[in-house]
């Protein structure tokens, strides 16, 4: 979204919010519950309920744009403190969502790279073991990086495996 689009959406939401709070107060009055529009406009829960979904929908669930719109609303000279507080909470929440998504993406990319690396090792050296698989197949007697001295649990053959540190894979068994 461009800065102009963000400003337009923020301005539209602020105008809509004033109308929505007024309409809500009027509806409450019709139901016999006295609430002044000014009081409703000071209520952070009401402001949060009304503005959050509107920002979310206007930005098509794009957290970067949502943060930009909330920041624009918060920093507007027309925003009062309760609205600024609500926008601050939205910004913190949505930044946290972005951070968690980035962490998930990084972990997924790391797992994919590990799978690809393991396949490369398998193509070049044959059987590859992770730490759990190594412990199931071999008794480890010594480490001398980048090698590990092992005894095959099935055949009782002593030998060595080469290993990588990150990700930790063991490969290229050579019997003594």
N, C-alpha and C. Protein backbone atom coordinates (compact mmCIF):
# COMPACT_ATOMS: atom_id res chain seq x y z
N UNK A 1 0.84 -1.18 0.00
CA UNK A 1 0.00 0.00 0.00
C UNK A 1 0.88 1.24 0.00
N UNK A 2 0.45 2.26 -0.71
CA UNK A 2 1.22 3.51 -0.72
C UNK A 2 0.88 4.32 0.53
N UNK A 3 1.72 5.31 0.81
CA UNK A 3 1.45 6.18 1.96
C UNK A 3 0.13 6.92 1.80
N UNK A 4 -0.18 7.33 0.59
CA UNK A 4 -1.46 8.02 0.35
C UNK A 4 -2.64 7.09 0.64
N UNK A 5 -2.53 5.83 0.22
CA UNK A 5 -3.61 4.88 0.49
C UNK A 5 -3.76 4.65 2.00
N UNK A 6 -2.65 4.56 2.68
CA UNK A 6 -2.69 4.36 4.14
C UNK A 6 -3.36 5.55 4.81
N UNK A 7 -2.97 6.77 4.41
CA UNK A 7 -3.59 7.98 4.98
C UNK A 7 -5.09 8.02 4.67
N UNK A 8 -5.48 7.65 3.45
CA UNK A 8 -6.90 7.66 3.08
C UNK A 8 -7.69 6.65 3.92
N UNK A 9 -7.15 5.45 4.06
CA UNK A 9 -7.84 4.43 4.87
C UNK A 9 -7.94 4.88 6.31
N UNK A 10 -6.86 5.43 6.87
CA UNK A 10 -6.87 5.89 8.26
C UNK A 10 -7.91 6.99 8.44
N UNK A 11 -7.95 7.92 7.51
CA UNK A 11 -8.92 9.01 7.59
C UNK A 11 -10.35 8.48 7.48
N UNK A 12 -10.58 7.56 6.55
CA UNK A 12 -11.91 6.96 6.39
C UNK A 12 -12.34 6.22 7.66
N UNK A 13 -11.42 5.50 8.26
CA UNK A 13 -11.74 4.74 9.48
C UNK A 13 -12.06 5.70 10.62
N UNK A 14 -11.29 6.77 10.75
CA UNK A 14 -11.57 7.73 11.82
C UNK A 14 -12.95 8.37 11.64
N UNK A 15 -13.30 8.74 10.42
CA UNK A 15 -14.63 9.32 10.16
C UNK A 15 -15.72 8.29 10.43
N UNK A 16 -15.50 7.08 9.91
CA UNK A 16 -16.48 6.02 10.11
C UNK A 16 -16.64 5.72 11.60
N UNK A 17 -15.54 5.73 12.34
CA UNK A 17 -15.58 5.42 13.77
C UNK A 17 -16.43 6.42 14.54
N UNK A 18 -16.30 7.70 14.21
CA UNK A 18 -17.12 8.71 14.88
C UNK A 18 -18.60 8.46 14.60
N UNK A 19 -18.92 8.15 13.35
CA UNK A 19 -20.32 7.86 12.99
C UNK A 19 -20.81 6.59 13.69
N UNK A 20 -19.96 5.56 13.68
CA UNK A 20 -20.36 4.28 14.28
C UNK A 20 -20.59 4.41 15.77
N UNK A 21 -19.73 5.16 16.46
CA UNK A 21 -19.91 5.36 17.90
C UNK A 21 -21.21 6.13 18.15
N UNK A 22 -21.47 7.15 17.35
CA UNK A 22 -22.72 7.90 17.48
C UNK A 22 -23.93 7.02 17.24
N UNK A 23 -23.88 6.20 16.17
CA UNK A 23 -24.99 5.29 15.87
C UNK A 23 -25.19 4.27 16.98
N UNK A 24 -24.08 3.76 17.53
CA UNK A 24 -24.16 2.79 18.60
C UNK A 24 -24.80 3.41 19.85
N UNK A 25 -24.38 4.62 20.18
CA UNK A 25 -24.95 5.31 21.35
C UNK A 25 -26.44 5.56 21.15
N UNK A 26 -26.81 5.95 19.94
CA UNK A 26 -28.22 6.19 19.63
C UNK A 26 -29.01 4.89 19.76
N UNK A 27 -28.46 3.79 19.28
CA UNK A 27 -29.13 2.50 19.38
C UNK A 27 -29.28 2.06 20.83
N UNK A 28 -28.27 2.30 21.64
CA UNK A 28 -28.35 1.96 23.05
C UNK A 28 -29.44 2.77 23.75
N UNK A 29 -29.55 4.04 23.37
CA UNK A 29 -30.58 4.90 23.95
C UNK A 29 -31.97 4.37 23.60
N UNK A 30 -32.14 3.92 22.35
CA UNK A 30 -33.43 3.36 21.92
C UNK A 30 -33.78 2.10 22.71
N UNK A 31 -32.76 1.39 23.15
CA UNK A 31 -32.98 0.18 23.93
C UNK A 31 -33.17 0.48 25.41
N UNK A 32 -33.17 1.77 25.76
CA UNK A 32 -33.37 2.18 27.14
C UNK A 32 -32.09 2.22 27.95
N UNK A 33 -30.95 2.08 27.29
CA UNK A 33 -29.66 2.17 27.98
C UNK A 33 -29.03 3.50 27.62
N UNK A 34 -28.98 4.38 28.57
CA UNK A 34 -28.41 5.72 28.33
C UNK A 34 -26.90 5.64 28.21
N UNK A 35 -26.41 6.04 27.08
CA UNK A 35 -24.98 6.17 26.89
C UNK A 35 -24.77 7.32 25.91
N UNK A 36 -24.00 8.27 26.33
CA UNK A 36 -23.73 9.42 25.48
C UNK A 36 -22.64 9.05 24.47
N UNK A 37 -22.74 9.59 23.27
CA UNK A 37 -21.75 9.32 22.24
C UNK A 37 -20.36 9.71 22.72
N UNK A 38 -20.27 10.82 23.45
CA UNK A 38 -18.96 11.24 23.97
C UNK A 38 -18.39 10.21 24.93
N UNK A 39 -19.26 9.63 25.77
CA UNK A 39 -18.80 8.61 26.71
C UNK A 39 -18.35 7.35 25.95
N UNK A 40 -19.12 6.98 24.95
CA UNK A 40 -18.77 5.81 24.14
C UNK A 40 -17.44 6.03 23.42
N UNK A 41 -17.21 7.25 22.97
CA UNK A 41 -15.98 7.56 22.24
C UNK A 41 -14.76 7.58 23.15
N UNK A 42 -14.97 7.63 24.44
CA UNK A 42 -13.87 7.56 25.41
C UNK A 42 -13.62 6.13 25.88
N UNK A 43 -14.52 5.20 25.54
CA UNK A 43 -14.44 3.82 26.00
C UNK A 43 -13.51 3.02 25.07
N UNK A 44 -12.37 2.60 25.60
CA UNK A 44 -11.37 1.91 24.78
C UNK A 44 -11.87 0.56 24.26
N UNK A 45 -12.71 -0.13 25.04
CA UNK A 45 -13.24 -1.41 24.58
C UNK A 45 -14.12 -1.22 23.35
N UNK A 46 -14.97 -0.20 23.38
CA UNK A 46 -15.83 0.09 22.23
C UNK A 46 -14.98 0.48 21.03
N UNK A 47 -14.00 1.35 21.24
CA UNK A 47 -13.14 1.78 20.14
C UNK A 47 -12.37 0.60 19.55
N UNK A 48 -11.92 -0.29 20.41
CA UNK A 48 -11.18 -1.46 19.96
C UNK A 48 -12.07 -2.38 19.13
N UNK A 49 -13.25 -2.67 19.65
CA UNK A 49 -14.18 -3.56 18.94
C UNK A 49 -14.53 -3.01 17.57
N UNK A 50 -14.81 -1.73 17.50
CA UNK A 50 -15.23 -1.13 16.24
C UNK A 50 -14.07 -0.96 15.26
N UNK A 51 -12.93 -0.49 15.73
CA UNK A 51 -11.85 -0.14 14.80
C UNK A 51 -11.00 -1.33 14.36
N UNK A 52 -10.84 -2.33 15.22
CA UNK A 52 -9.97 -3.45 14.88
C UNK A 52 -10.40 -4.20 13.64
N UNK A 53 -11.66 -4.59 13.59
CA UNK A 53 -12.17 -5.32 12.42
C UNK A 53 -12.13 -4.45 11.17
N UNK A 54 -12.42 -3.19 11.35
CA UNK A 54 -12.44 -2.28 10.20
C UNK A 54 -11.03 -2.15 9.60
N UNK A 55 -10.03 -2.01 10.43
CA UNK A 55 -8.64 -1.94 9.94
C UNK A 55 -8.27 -3.27 9.28
N UNK A 56 -8.60 -4.36 9.95
CA UNK A 56 -8.29 -5.70 9.44
C UNK A 56 -8.87 -5.89 8.04
N UNK A 57 -10.15 -5.55 7.87
CA UNK A 57 -10.81 -5.71 6.58
C UNK A 57 -10.27 -4.75 5.53
N UNK A 58 -10.03 -3.51 5.93
CA UNK A 58 -9.55 -2.50 4.98
C UNK A 58 -8.16 -2.83 4.43
N UNK A 59 -7.38 -3.52 5.24
CA UNK A 59 -6.00 -3.85 4.85
C UNK A 59 -5.88 -5.27 4.31
N UNK A 60 -7.01 -5.93 4.13
CA UNK A 60 -7.04 -7.29 3.60
C UNK A 60 -6.10 -8.24 4.35
N UNK A 61 -6.12 -8.12 5.67
CA UNK A 61 -5.37 -8.98 6.58
C UNK A 61 -3.85 -8.88 6.40
N UNK A 62 -3.36 -7.80 5.84
CA UNK A 62 -1.91 -7.60 5.68
C UNK A 62 -1.41 -6.86 6.91
N UNK A 63 -0.65 -7.56 7.76
CA UNK A 63 -0.22 -6.98 9.04
C UNK A 63 0.65 -5.74 8.87
N UNK A 64 1.49 -5.71 7.86
CA UNK A 64 2.33 -4.52 7.65
C UNK A 64 1.46 -3.31 7.38
N UNK A 65 0.46 -3.47 6.52
CA UNK A 65 -0.46 -2.36 6.22
C UNK A 65 -1.32 -2.02 7.44
N UNK A 66 -1.73 -3.04 8.18
CA UNK A 66 -2.54 -2.79 9.38
C UNK A 66 -1.76 -1.95 10.38
N UNK A 67 -0.49 -2.28 10.57
CA UNK A 67 0.36 -1.51 11.48
C UNK A 67 0.51 -0.08 10.98
N UNK A 68 0.69 0.07 9.67
CA UNK A 68 0.85 1.41 9.10
C UNK A 68 -0.41 2.25 9.29
N UNK A 69 -1.58 1.63 9.09
CA UNK A 69 -2.85 2.36 9.27
C UNK A 69 -3.05 2.70 10.74
N UNK A 70 -2.81 1.75 11.63
CA UNK A 70 -2.96 2.03 13.07
C UNK A 70 -1.99 3.13 13.52
N UNK A 71 -0.79 3.13 12.98
CA UNK A 71 0.19 4.17 13.32
C UNK A 71 -0.29 5.53 12.82
N UNK A 72 -0.83 5.53 11.61
CA UNK A 72 -1.35 6.79 11.04
C UNK A 72 -2.51 7.31 11.90
N UNK A 73 -3.41 6.44 12.32
CA UNK A 73 -4.53 6.86 13.17
C UNK A 73 -4.00 7.36 14.51
N UNK A 74 -3.09 6.60 15.11
CA UNK A 74 -2.53 6.99 16.41
C UNK A 74 -1.86 8.36 16.35
N UNK A 75 -1.12 8.61 15.28
CA UNK A 75 -0.35 9.84 15.16
C UNK A 75 -1.14 11.02 14.61
N UNK A 76 -2.38 10.77 14.23
CA UNK A 76 -3.22 11.84 13.68
C UNK A 76 -3.50 12.90 14.74
N UNK A 77 -3.53 14.14 14.31
CA UNK A 77 -3.84 15.22 15.27
C UNK A 77 -5.28 15.16 15.72
N UNK A 78 -6.12 14.36 15.04
CA UNK A 78 -7.53 14.24 15.41
C UNK A 78 -7.78 13.10 16.41
N UNK A 79 -6.77 12.32 16.70
CA UNK A 79 -6.95 11.19 17.62
C UNK A 79 -6.84 11.66 19.06
N UNK A 80 -7.74 11.17 19.88
CA UNK A 80 -7.69 11.47 21.31
C UNK A 80 -7.01 10.30 22.02
N UNK A 81 -6.70 10.48 23.29
CA UNK A 81 -5.86 9.50 24.01
C UNK A 81 -6.44 8.09 24.04
N UNK A 82 -7.74 7.90 24.28
CA UNK A 82 -8.24 6.52 24.27
C UNK A 82 -8.01 5.82 22.92
N UNK A 83 -8.20 6.55 21.83
CA UNK A 83 -7.97 5.96 20.51
C UNK A 83 -6.48 5.69 20.29
N UNK A 84 -5.64 6.58 20.75
CA UNK A 84 -4.19 6.36 20.66
C UNK A 84 -3.80 5.10 21.43
N UNK A 85 -4.38 4.91 22.61
CA UNK A 85 -4.09 3.72 23.42
C UNK A 85 -4.49 2.43 22.69
N UNK A 86 -5.67 2.47 22.08
CA UNK A 86 -6.16 1.31 21.33
C UNK A 86 -5.22 1.01 20.17
N UNK A 87 -4.82 2.03 19.44
CA UNK A 87 -3.93 1.82 18.29
C UNK A 87 -2.57 1.29 18.75
N UNK A 88 -2.08 1.79 19.89
CA UNK A 88 -0.82 1.26 20.42
C UNK A 88 -0.92 -0.24 20.71
N UNK A 89 -2.04 -0.66 21.30
CA UNK A 89 -2.22 -2.09 21.60
C UNK A 89 -2.29 -2.91 20.31
N UNK A 90 -3.00 -2.38 19.30
CA UNK A 90 -3.07 -3.07 18.01
C UNK A 90 -1.68 -3.22 17.41
N UNK A 91 -0.91 -2.15 17.43
CA UNK A 91 0.43 -2.16 16.82
C UNK A 91 1.30 -3.21 17.50
N UNK A 92 1.29 -3.24 18.82
CA UNK A 92 2.09 -4.23 19.56
C UNK A 92 1.63 -5.65 19.20
N UNK A 93 0.34 -5.88 19.18
CA UNK A 93 -0.21 -7.21 18.88
C UNK A 93 0.16 -7.64 17.47
N UNK A 94 0.00 -6.74 16.50
CA UNK A 94 0.26 -7.09 15.11
C UNK A 94 1.76 -7.23 14.83
N UNK A 95 2.58 -6.45 15.50
CA UNK A 95 4.04 -6.62 15.35
C UNK A 95 4.46 -7.98 15.90
N UNK A 96 3.86 -8.40 17.00
CA UNK A 96 4.14 -9.71 17.56
C UNK A 96 3.70 -10.81 16.59
N UNK A 97 2.56 -10.65 15.95
CA UNK A 97 2.10 -11.62 14.95
C UNK A 97 3.09 -11.71 13.79
N UNK A 98 3.59 -10.57 13.35
CA UNK A 98 4.59 -10.56 12.28
C UNK A 98 5.87 -11.26 12.71
N UNK A 99 6.31 -11.00 13.93
CA UNK A 99 7.53 -11.62 14.44
C UNK A 99 7.38 -13.13 14.50
N UNK A 100 6.24 -13.59 14.98
CA UNK A 100 6.01 -15.04 15.08
C UNK A 100 5.94 -15.67 13.69
N UNK A 101 5.32 -14.99 12.75
CA UNK A 101 5.26 -15.51 11.38
C UNK A 101 6.65 -15.60 10.78
N UNK A 102 7.48 -14.60 11.03
CA UNK A 102 8.86 -14.61 10.51
C UNK A 102 9.65 -15.77 11.14
N UNK A 103 9.45 -16.01 12.43
CA UNK A 103 10.12 -17.14 13.09
C UNK A 103 9.67 -18.47 12.50
N UNK A 104 8.35 -18.62 12.25
CA UNK A 104 7.84 -19.85 11.63
C UNK A 104 8.44 -20.04 10.25
N UNK A 105 8.50 -18.96 9.47
CA UNK A 105 9.07 -19.05 8.12
C UNK A 105 10.54 -19.43 8.17
N UNK A 106 11.28 -18.86 9.11
CA UNK A 106 12.71 -19.17 9.24
C UNK A 106 12.91 -20.63 9.64
N UNK A 107 12.09 -21.13 10.57
CA UNK A 107 12.20 -22.52 10.99
C UNK A 107 11.85 -23.47 9.83
N UNK A 108 10.82 -23.12 9.07
CA UNK A 108 10.43 -23.93 7.93
C UNK A 108 11.55 -23.96 6.90
N UNK A 109 12.13 -22.81 6.62
CA UNK A 109 13.24 -22.74 5.66
C UNK A 109 14.43 -23.56 6.15
N UNK A 110 14.71 -23.51 7.45
CA UNK A 110 15.81 -24.29 8.02
C UNK A 110 15.55 -25.78 7.87
N UNK A 111 14.32 -26.21 8.18
CA UNK A 111 13.98 -27.64 8.03
C UNK A 111 14.12 -28.08 6.58
N UNK A 112 13.65 -27.24 5.66
CA UNK A 112 13.75 -27.58 4.24
C UNK A 112 15.20 -27.67 3.79
N UNK A 113 16.05 -26.77 4.29
CA UNK A 113 17.48 -26.79 3.96
C UNK A 113 18.13 -28.05 4.53
N UNK A 114 17.73 -28.46 5.75
CA UNK A 114 18.29 -29.67 6.35
C UNK A 114 17.91 -30.91 5.55
N UNK A 115 16.66 -30.96 5.10
CA UNK A 115 16.21 -32.10 4.29
C UNK A 115 17.01 -32.16 2.99
N UNK A 116 17.18 -31.02 2.37
CA UNK A 116 17.94 -30.96 1.11
C UNK A 116 19.40 -31.37 1.34
N UNK A 117 20.00 -30.89 2.43
CA UNK A 117 21.38 -31.22 2.75
C UNK A 117 21.53 -32.72 3.01
N UNK A 118 20.57 -33.28 3.75
CA UNK A 118 20.62 -34.72 4.03
C UNK A 118 20.55 -35.52 2.74
N UNK A 119 19.66 -35.12 1.83
CA UNK A 119 19.56 -35.83 0.55
C UNK A 119 20.85 -35.75 -0.23
N UNK A 120 21.50 -34.59 -0.18
CA UNK A 120 22.80 -34.43 -0.86
C UNK A 120 23.83 -35.38 -0.26
N UNK A 121 23.88 -35.46 1.07
CA UNK A 121 24.81 -36.39 1.72
C UNK A 121 24.49 -37.83 1.36
N UNK A 122 23.21 -38.19 1.33
CA UNK A 122 22.80 -39.55 1.00
C UNK A 122 23.21 -39.92 -0.42
N UNK A 123 23.05 -38.97 -1.33
CA UNK A 123 23.44 -39.22 -2.72
C UNK A 123 24.94 -39.46 -2.84
N UNK A 124 25.71 -38.73 -2.05
CA UNK A 124 27.17 -38.84 -2.13
C UNK A 124 27.74 -39.98 -1.29
N UNK A 125 27.19 -40.23 -0.09
CA UNK A 125 27.80 -41.17 0.85
C UNK A 125 26.93 -42.38 1.22
N UNK A 126 25.69 -42.40 0.83
CA UNK A 126 24.81 -43.50 1.21
C UNK A 126 24.04 -43.17 2.47
N UNK A 127 23.99 -44.09 3.42
CA UNK A 127 23.19 -43.94 4.63
C UNK A 127 23.66 -42.76 5.47
N UNK A 128 22.69 -41.96 5.91
CA UNK A 128 22.95 -40.80 6.76
C UNK A 128 22.09 -40.95 8.01
N UNK A 129 22.67 -40.61 9.17
CA UNK A 129 21.97 -40.74 10.44
C UNK A 129 21.87 -39.38 11.12
N UNK A 130 20.73 -39.13 11.76
CA UNK A 130 20.67 -37.99 12.69
C UNK A 130 21.11 -38.54 14.05
N UNK A 131 21.11 -37.74 15.08
CA UNK A 131 21.62 -38.18 16.39
C UNK A 131 20.82 -39.36 16.95
N UNK A 132 19.50 -39.30 16.86
CA UNK A 132 18.67 -40.39 17.37
C UNK A 132 18.93 -41.68 16.60
N UNK A 133 19.02 -41.57 15.28
CA UNK A 133 19.28 -42.75 14.45
C UNK A 133 20.67 -43.33 14.74
N UNK A 134 21.63 -42.46 14.97
CA UNK A 134 22.99 -42.91 15.32
C UNK A 134 22.95 -43.71 16.61
N UNK A 135 22.25 -43.21 17.62
CA UNK A 135 22.18 -43.89 18.91
C UNK A 135 21.49 -45.24 18.81
N UNK A 136 20.54 -45.36 17.89
CA UNK A 136 19.84 -46.63 17.70
C UNK A 136 20.73 -47.66 17.00
N UNK A 137 21.57 -47.20 16.07
CA UNK A 137 22.36 -48.12 15.25
C UNK A 137 23.77 -48.38 15.78
N UNK A 138 24.31 -47.46 16.54
CA UNK A 138 25.72 -47.58 16.94
C UNK A 138 25.92 -47.29 18.42
N UNK A 139 26.99 -47.85 18.95
CA UNK A 139 27.49 -47.49 20.27
C UNK A 139 28.64 -46.52 20.01
N UNK A 140 28.57 -45.34 20.58
CA UNK A 140 29.59 -44.32 20.36
C UNK A 140 30.67 -44.46 21.42
N UNK A 141 31.93 -44.53 20.97
CA UNK A 141 33.02 -44.68 21.95
C UNK A 141 33.93 -43.46 22.02
N UNK A 142 33.98 -42.65 20.98
CA UNK A 142 34.85 -41.46 21.03
C UNK A 142 34.47 -40.48 19.93
N UNK A 143 34.76 -39.22 20.20
CA UNK A 143 34.58 -38.16 19.21
C UNK A 143 35.95 -37.57 18.89
N UNK A 144 36.21 -37.34 17.64
CA UNK A 144 37.42 -36.63 17.20
C UNK A 144 37.00 -35.87 15.94
N UNK A 145 36.41 -34.73 16.15
CA UNK A 145 35.79 -33.97 15.06
C UNK A 145 36.72 -33.90 13.84
N UNK A 146 36.20 -34.12 12.68
CA UNK A 146 34.80 -34.36 12.30
C UNK A 146 34.43 -35.84 12.24
N UNK A 147 35.05 -36.66 13.08
CA UNK A 147 34.76 -38.10 13.08
C UNK A 147 34.27 -38.53 14.45
N UNK A 148 33.56 -39.67 14.44
CA UNK A 148 33.11 -40.29 15.66
C UNK A 148 33.45 -41.78 15.55
N UNK A 149 34.00 -42.33 16.61
CA UNK A 149 34.35 -43.75 16.63
C UNK A 149 33.14 -44.50 17.18
N UNK A 150 32.75 -45.57 16.46
CA UNK A 150 31.50 -46.26 16.80
C UNK A 150 31.67 -47.77 16.71
N UNK A 151 30.71 -48.47 17.29
CA UNK A 151 30.57 -49.92 17.13
C UNK A 151 29.15 -50.16 16.64
N UNK A 152 29.03 -50.83 15.51
CA UNK A 152 27.71 -51.16 14.94
C UNK A 152 27.02 -52.14 15.88
N UNK A 153 25.83 -51.82 16.36
CA UNK A 153 25.13 -52.66 17.35
C UNK A 153 24.73 -54.01 16.75
N UNK A 154 24.45 -54.08 15.46
CA UNK A 154 24.03 -55.34 14.84
C UNK A 154 25.23 -56.26 14.56
N UNK A 155 26.23 -55.71 13.89
CA UNK A 155 27.36 -56.55 13.44
C UNK A 155 28.53 -56.55 14.40
N UNK A 156 28.51 -55.63 15.38
CA UNK A 156 29.60 -55.46 16.34
C UNK A 156 30.90 -55.00 15.68
N UNK A 157 30.81 -54.50 14.44
CA UNK A 157 31.99 -53.97 13.75
C UNK A 157 32.32 -52.60 14.30
N UNK A 158 33.62 -52.42 14.54
CA UNK A 158 34.11 -51.12 14.99
C UNK A 158 34.47 -50.31 13.75
N UNK A 159 34.24 -49.00 13.84
CA UNK A 159 34.56 -48.15 12.69
C UNK A 159 34.39 -46.69 13.04
N UNK A 160 34.30 -45.88 12.00
CA UNK A 160 34.14 -44.44 12.22
C UNK A 160 33.09 -43.90 11.27
N UNK A 161 32.50 -42.80 11.68
CA UNK A 161 31.56 -42.04 10.86
C UNK A 161 32.05 -40.60 10.83
N UNK A 162 31.84 -39.98 9.72
CA UNK A 162 32.12 -38.55 9.61
C UNK A 162 30.84 -37.82 10.04
N UNK A 163 30.96 -36.60 10.55
CA UNK A 163 29.74 -35.87 10.91
C UNK A 163 29.87 -34.38 10.61
N UNK A 164 28.71 -33.76 10.49
CA UNK A 164 28.62 -32.31 10.32
C UNK A 164 28.05 -31.75 11.62
N UNK A 165 28.36 -30.51 11.90
CA UNK A 165 27.90 -29.91 13.15
C UNK A 165 26.45 -29.41 13.06
N UNK A 166 26.16 -28.60 12.06
CA UNK A 166 24.81 -28.04 11.92
C UNK A 166 24.37 -28.08 10.49
N UNK A 167 23.40 -28.86 10.19
CA UNK A 167 22.71 -29.78 11.09
C UNK A 167 23.61 -30.98 11.41
N UNK A 168 23.33 -31.63 12.51
CA UNK A 168 24.16 -32.75 12.95
C UNK A 168 23.72 -33.99 12.19
N UNK A 169 24.55 -34.42 11.25
CA UNK A 169 24.34 -35.65 10.50
C UNK A 169 25.62 -36.48 10.56
N UNK A 170 25.45 -37.80 10.62
CA UNK A 170 26.56 -38.75 10.63
C UNK A 170 26.47 -39.57 9.36
N UNK A 171 27.59 -39.83 8.70
CA UNK A 171 27.57 -40.49 7.41
C UNK A 171 28.94 -41.11 7.12
N UNK A 172 28.98 -41.90 6.04
CA UNK A 172 30.23 -42.47 5.52
C UNK A 172 30.89 -43.41 6.56
N UNK A 173 30.16 -44.47 6.92
CA UNK A 173 30.72 -45.45 7.86
C UNK A 173 31.87 -46.17 7.20
N UNK A 174 32.99 -46.22 7.90
CA UNK A 174 34.18 -46.96 7.45
C UNK A 174 34.56 -47.93 8.57
N UNK A 175 34.50 -49.22 8.27
CA UNK A 175 34.85 -50.24 9.26
C UNK A 175 36.37 -50.30 9.40
N UNK A 176 36.84 -50.57 10.65
CA UNK A 176 38.29 -50.72 10.88
C UNK A 176 38.80 -52.01 10.32
